[in-house]
């Protein structure tokens, strides 16, 4: 009688232990198959964008928004030199030009242009879509795999910063009295910055392309292995050439 009871208890215990083990194995396998791999991608994105951005997640969407005035990320730099001939027409009296009243100057402006990204109002969004057709073994060892679509505004010119400005007075020896004054120099520099802005609008395209390549290459490099494919949708940026001109850290325009 005692042996029968012991055998029954052993059998029931074995069945219970086997059932518990089976449930645990099933839960572990299910977790591995269904686990959300976006967490590691989110950490990688946070590290890539740095403290200048805030990263938030919702379902399978990760949003990056800028929290600092200037984001030094994937920026491209270009050095330019602009030569400018400034002049002021001769004064007139009764409609006639007066001799020796015109002014002329030769100017050279060296400046650095930065191109990069502004995510303060228009954010960068990552949409993760699970990839179908994975084998069970692949799901167990790799976890769920994703296709990622990145929507981000195209880069813009962030700033134009002057390195050197040289304004040379071209007054001749016989009209030295008609040299440049401070008002003339300020007017010439203002006009020179307008021309520099126009030059950047025509020649800044390669800098924008370089910044775009840097960001796309950097994001592809940091994605974890379960991100199988990436697609970029570059949104039009109507403010691509809306930038500040600076001279020794002072905003000019």
Protein backbone atom coordinates (compact mmCIF):
# COMPACT_ATOMS: atom_id res chain seq x y z
CA UNK A 1 0.00 0.00 0.00
CA UNK A 2 2.77 2.41 0.94
CA UNK A 3 4.69 1.58 -2.22
CA UNK A 4 1.63 2.32 -4.34
CA UNK A 5 1.15 5.71 -2.73
CA UNK A 6 4.83 6.56 -3.23
CA UNK A 7 4.66 5.49 -6.87
CA UNK A 8 1.56 7.60 -7.40
CA UNK A 9 3.19 10.63 -5.82
CA UNK A 10 6.31 10.16 -7.92
CA UNK A 11 4.24 9.84 -11.08
CA UNK A 12 2.15 12.91 -10.29
CA UNK A 13 5.31 14.87 -9.39
CA UNK A 14 6.99 13.81 -12.61
CA UNK A 15 3.97 14.82 -14.67
CA UNK A 16 3.80 18.17 -12.87
CA UNK A 17 7.53 18.79 -13.31
CA UNK A 18 7.40 17.85 -16.99
CA UNK A 19 4.39 20.08 -17.54
CA UNK A 20 6.05 23.00 -15.78
CA UNK A 21 9.22 22.53 -17.81
CA UNK A 22 7.22 22.35 -21.03
CA UNK A 23 5.37 25.58 -20.20
CA UNK A 24 8.65 27.34 -19.37
CA UNK A 25 10.27 26.17 -22.59
CA UNK A 26 7.22 27.27 -24.57
CA UNK A 27 7.26 30.71 -22.92
CA UNK A 28 10.99 31.16 -23.50
CA UNK A 29 10.72 30.14 -27.16
CA UNK A 30 7.70 32.39 -27.62
CA UNK A 31 9.52 35.32 -26.03
CA UNK A 32 12.56 34.76 -28.26
CA UNK A 33 10.39 34.60 -31.36
CA UNK A 34 8.21 37.57 -30.50
CA UNK A 35 10.64 39.76 -28.58
CA UNK A 36 10.72 43.38 -29.66
CA UNK A 37 14.12 44.05 -31.16
CA UNK A 38 13.49 47.79 -31.46
CA UNK A 39 14.90 48.37 -27.98
CA UNK A 40 18.48 47.80 -29.08
CA UNK A 41 17.86 49.96 -32.16
CA UNK A 42 16.49 52.71 -29.92
CA UNK A 43 19.64 52.66 -27.77
CA UNK A 44 21.81 52.83 -30.89
CA UNK A 45 19.80 55.77 -32.23
CA UNK A 46 20.06 57.60 -28.88
CA UNK A 47 23.85 57.18 -28.89
CA UNK A 48 24.10 58.29 -32.51
CA UNK A 49 22.12 61.52 -32.11
CA UNK A 50 23.57 62.25 -28.66
CA UNK A 51 22.32 64.50 -25.90
CA UNK A 52 21.25 67.19 -28.35
CA UNK A 53 18.15 65.18 -29.23
CA UNK A 54 15.34 63.48 -27.35
CA UNK A 55 14.28 60.02 -28.51
CA UNK A 56 10.79 58.66 -27.85
CA UNK A 57 9.17 55.34 -28.78
CA UNK A 58 5.61 54.32 -29.43
CA UNK A 59 4.73 50.84 -30.67
CA UNK A 60 7.17 50.27 -33.54
CA UNK A 61 7.90 53.96 -34.16
CA UNK A 62 10.93 55.88 -32.87
CA UNK A 63 10.90 59.69 -33.07
CA UNK A 64 13.97 61.93 -32.73
CA UNK A 65 13.49 65.61 -31.90
CA UNK A 66 16.16 68.29 -31.41
CA UNK A 67 16.42 70.02 -28.01
CA UNK A 68 19.49 72.24 -28.57
CA UNK A 69 19.77 75.32 -30.82
CA UNK A 70 22.43 73.82 -33.11
CA UNK A 71 22.86 70.10 -33.77
CA UNK A 72 26.47 69.23 -34.59
CA UNK A 73 25.64 65.97 -36.35
CA UNK A 74 26.83 64.71 -39.73
CA UNK A 75 27.79 68.27 -40.59
CA UNK A 76 29.71 69.11 -43.75
CA UNK A 77 32.08 72.09 -43.90
CA UNK A 78 33.29 74.09 -46.84
CA UNK A 79 35.76 76.99 -47.03
CA UNK A 80 35.08 79.73 -49.56
CA UNK A 81 36.78 82.91 -50.76
CA UNK A 82 34.79 85.75 -52.27
CA UNK A 83 36.36 88.76 -54.01
CA UNK A 84 34.20 91.84 -54.26
CA UNK A 85 34.72 95.26 -55.84
CA UNK A 86 32.83 97.93 -53.94
CA UNK A 87 32.17 101.37 -55.27
CA UNK A 88 30.03 104.45 -54.71
CA UNK A 89 28.91 106.51 -57.63
CA UNK A 90 30.05 110.10 -57.97
CA UNK A 91 28.02 112.77 -56.28
CA UNK A 92 25.88 114.91 -58.55
CA UNK A 93 25.19 118.61 -58.67
CA UNK A 94 22.32 119.83 -60.81
CA UNK A 95 22.27 116.35 -62.36
CA UNK A 96 25.95 116.45 -63.32
CA UNK A 97 28.55 114.11 -61.78
CA UNK A 98 31.21 115.86 -59.72
CA UNK A 99 34.81 114.82 -60.38
CA UNK A 100 36.76 112.98 -57.69
CA UNK A 101 33.68 112.22 -55.57
CA UNK A 102 33.34 108.51 -56.34
CA UNK A 103 34.75 105.85 -54.03
CA UNK A 104 36.09 102.38 -54.76
CA UNK A 105 37.36 99.44 -52.73
CA UNK A 106 38.72 95.94 -53.36
CA UNK A 107 37.45 93.38 -50.86
CA UNK A 108 38.28 89.79 -50.01
CA UNK A 109 36.00 87.71 -47.80
CA UNK A 110 37.03 84.26 -46.53
CA UNK A 111 34.35 82.26 -44.74
CA UNK A 112 33.33 78.78 -43.60
CA UNK A 113 29.92 77.31 -44.41
CA UNK A 114 28.35 74.49 -42.38
CA UNK A 115 25.61 72.19 -43.67
CA UNK A 116 23.69 69.82 -41.41
CA UNK A 117 20.30 69.06 -39.89
CA UNK A 118 17.63 71.00 -38.02
CA UNK A 119 15.17 68.70 -36.22
CA UNK A 120 13.59 71.26 -33.89
CA UNK A 121 10.24 71.53 -35.68
CA UNK A 122 10.32 68.67 -38.19
CA UNK A 123 11.46 65.44 -36.56
CA UNK A 124 13.26 62.32 -37.72
CA UNK A 125 10.93 59.27 -37.57
CA UNK A 126 11.88 55.58 -37.73
CA UNK A 127 9.09 53.12 -38.60
CA UNK A 128 9.88 49.45 -37.86
CA UNK A 129 7.93 46.83 -39.84
CA UNK A 130 8.39 43.11 -38.97
CA UNK A 131 9.79 41.07 -41.84
CA UNK A 132 7.65 38.05 -42.76
CA UNK A 133 8.77 34.63 -43.98
CA UNK A 134 11.36 33.93 -41.28
CA UNK A 135 12.00 30.31 -40.44
CA UNK A 136 11.31 29.18 -36.87
CA UNK A 137 14.98 28.41 -36.20
CA UNK A 138 15.98 31.85 -37.49
CA UNK A 139 13.43 33.50 -35.21
CA UNK A 140 14.73 31.57 -32.21
CA UNK A 141 18.35 32.55 -32.77
CA UNK A 142 17.92 36.02 -34.34
CA UNK A 143 14.65 37.22 -32.89
CA UNK A 144 12.17 39.18 -34.96
CA UNK A 145 13.69 40.97 -37.98
CA UNK A 146 12.62 44.36 -39.29
CA UNK A 147 12.49 46.65 -42.28
CA UNK A 148 13.07 50.27 -41.22
CA UNK A 149 11.79 53.32 -43.04
CA UNK A 150 13.41 56.61 -42.01
CA UNK A 151 11.60 59.87 -42.71
CA UNK A 152 13.78 62.94 -42.23
CA UNK A 153 13.97 66.51 -43.59
CA UNK A 154 16.79 67.13 -46.04
CA UNK A 155 19.83 68.95 -44.64
CA UNK A 156 20.18 72.73 -44.70
CA UNK A 157 22.91 75.34 -44.59
CA UNK A 158 23.30 76.03 -40.88
CA UNK A 159 25.63 79.01 -40.87
CA UNK A 160 28.16 81.14 -42.69
CA UNK A 161 31.00 82.25 -40.43
CA UNK A 162 33.57 84.82 -41.51
CA UNK A 163 37.24 83.97 -41.07
CA UNK A 164 38.82 87.10 -42.53
CA UNK A 165 37.57 90.27 -44.22
CA UNK A 166 39.88 92.67 -46.01
CA UNK A 167 38.59 95.99 -47.43
CA UNK A 168 41.27 97.86 -49.41
CA UNK A 169 40.66 101.50 -50.21
CA UNK A 170 41.31 102.16 -53.91
CA UNK A 171 41.44 105.93 -53.63
CA UNK A 172 44.06 107.44 -55.94
CA UNK A 173 46.83 109.69 -54.72
CA UNK A 174 45.10 112.79 -56.06
CA UNK A 175 41.79 112.12 -54.24
CA UNK A 176 43.14 110.77 -50.97
CA UNK A 177 40.77 113.14 -49.21
CA UNK A 178 37.90 111.07 -50.53
CA UNK A 179 38.88 107.84 -48.75
CA UNK A 180 36.54 105.31 -47.17
CA UNK A 181 34.97 106.17 -43.84
CA UNK A 182 33.32 103.81 -41.33
CA UNK A 183 29.91 104.23 -42.94
CA UNK A 184 31.35 103.28 -46.33
CA UNK A 185 33.06 100.21 -44.91
CA UNK A 186 29.89 99.03 -43.14
CA UNK A 187 27.87 99.48 -46.32
CA UNK A 188 30.46 97.54 -48.33
CA UNK A 189 30.53 94.69 -45.82
CA UNK A 190 26.74 94.52 -45.78
CA UNK A 191 26.70 94.21 -49.55
CA UNK A 192 29.52 91.69 -49.44
CA UNK A 193 27.55 89.44 -47.07
CA UNK A 194 24.53 89.63 -49.39
CA UNK A 195 26.69 88.43 -52.26
CA UNK A 196 28.20 85.67 -50.10
CA UNK A 197 24.68 84.47 -49.20
CA UNK A 198 23.77 84.41 -52.88
CA UNK A 199 26.96 82.49 -53.73
CA UNK A 200 26.19 79.85 -51.10
CA UNK A 201 22.68 79.44 -52.50
CA UNK A 202 24.26 78.58 -55.86
CA UNK A 203 27.30 76.60 -54.70
CA UNK A 204 26.11 74.95 -51.46
CA UNK A 205 24.46 71.91 -53.07
CA UNK A 206 27.50 69.60 -52.70
CA UNK A 207 27.70 70.40 -48.96
CA UNK A 208 24.05 69.40 -48.53
CA UNK A 209 24.66 66.18 -50.45
CA UNK A 210 27.69 65.38 -48.26
CA UNK A 211 25.74 65.95 -45.03
CA UNK A 212 22.96 63.69 -46.33
CA UNK A 213 25.42 60.90 -47.21
CA UNK A 214 27.09 61.15 -43.80
CA UNK A 215 23.84 60.83 -41.89
CA UNK A 216 22.53 57.96 -44.00
CA UNK A 217 25.83 56.07 -43.80
CA UNK A 218 26.06 56.62 -40.04
CA UNK A 219 22.53 55.33 -39.39
CA UNK A 220 23.06 52.26 -41.55
CA UNK A 221 26.26 51.47 -39.66
CA UNK A 222 24.75 51.60 -36.15
CA UNK A 223 21.65 49.51 -36.75
CA UNK A 224 21.64 46.11 -34.97
CA UNK A 225 21.71 42.85 -36.92
CA UNK A 226 17.96 42.23 -36.73
CA UNK A 227 17.40 45.32 -38.92
CA UNK A 228 17.65 43.66 -42.31
CA UNK A 229 16.80 46.55 -44.64
CA UNK A 230 16.60 50.36 -44.43
CA UNK A 231 14.78 52.84 -46.61
CA UNK A 232 15.19 56.63 -46.46
CA UNK A 233 12.50 59.14 -47.36
CA UNK A 234 14.12 62.57 -47.58
CA UNK A 235 11.53 65.28 -47.06
CA UNK A 236 11.77 68.59 -48.92
CA UNK A 237 13.27 71.40 -46.87
CA UNK A 238 12.08 74.84 -48.01
CA UNK A 239 14.46 76.45 -45.47
CA UNK A 240 17.57 74.79 -46.86
CA UNK A 241 19.24 78.17 -47.50
CA UNK A 242 17.74 80.12 -44.61
CA UNK A 243 20.90 80.55 -42.54
CA UNK A 244 22.76 83.04 -40.37
CA UNK A 245 25.89 84.98 -41.30
CA UNK A 246 28.33 85.41 -38.44
CA UNK A 247 31.40 87.53 -37.91
CA UNK A 248 33.42 86.64 -34.81
CA UNK A 249 30.38 84.98 -33.20
CA UNK A 250 28.11 87.98 -33.85
CA UNK A 251 25.05 87.46 -36.03
CA UNK A 252 25.12 89.83 -39.00
CA UNK A 253 22.11 88.65 -41.01
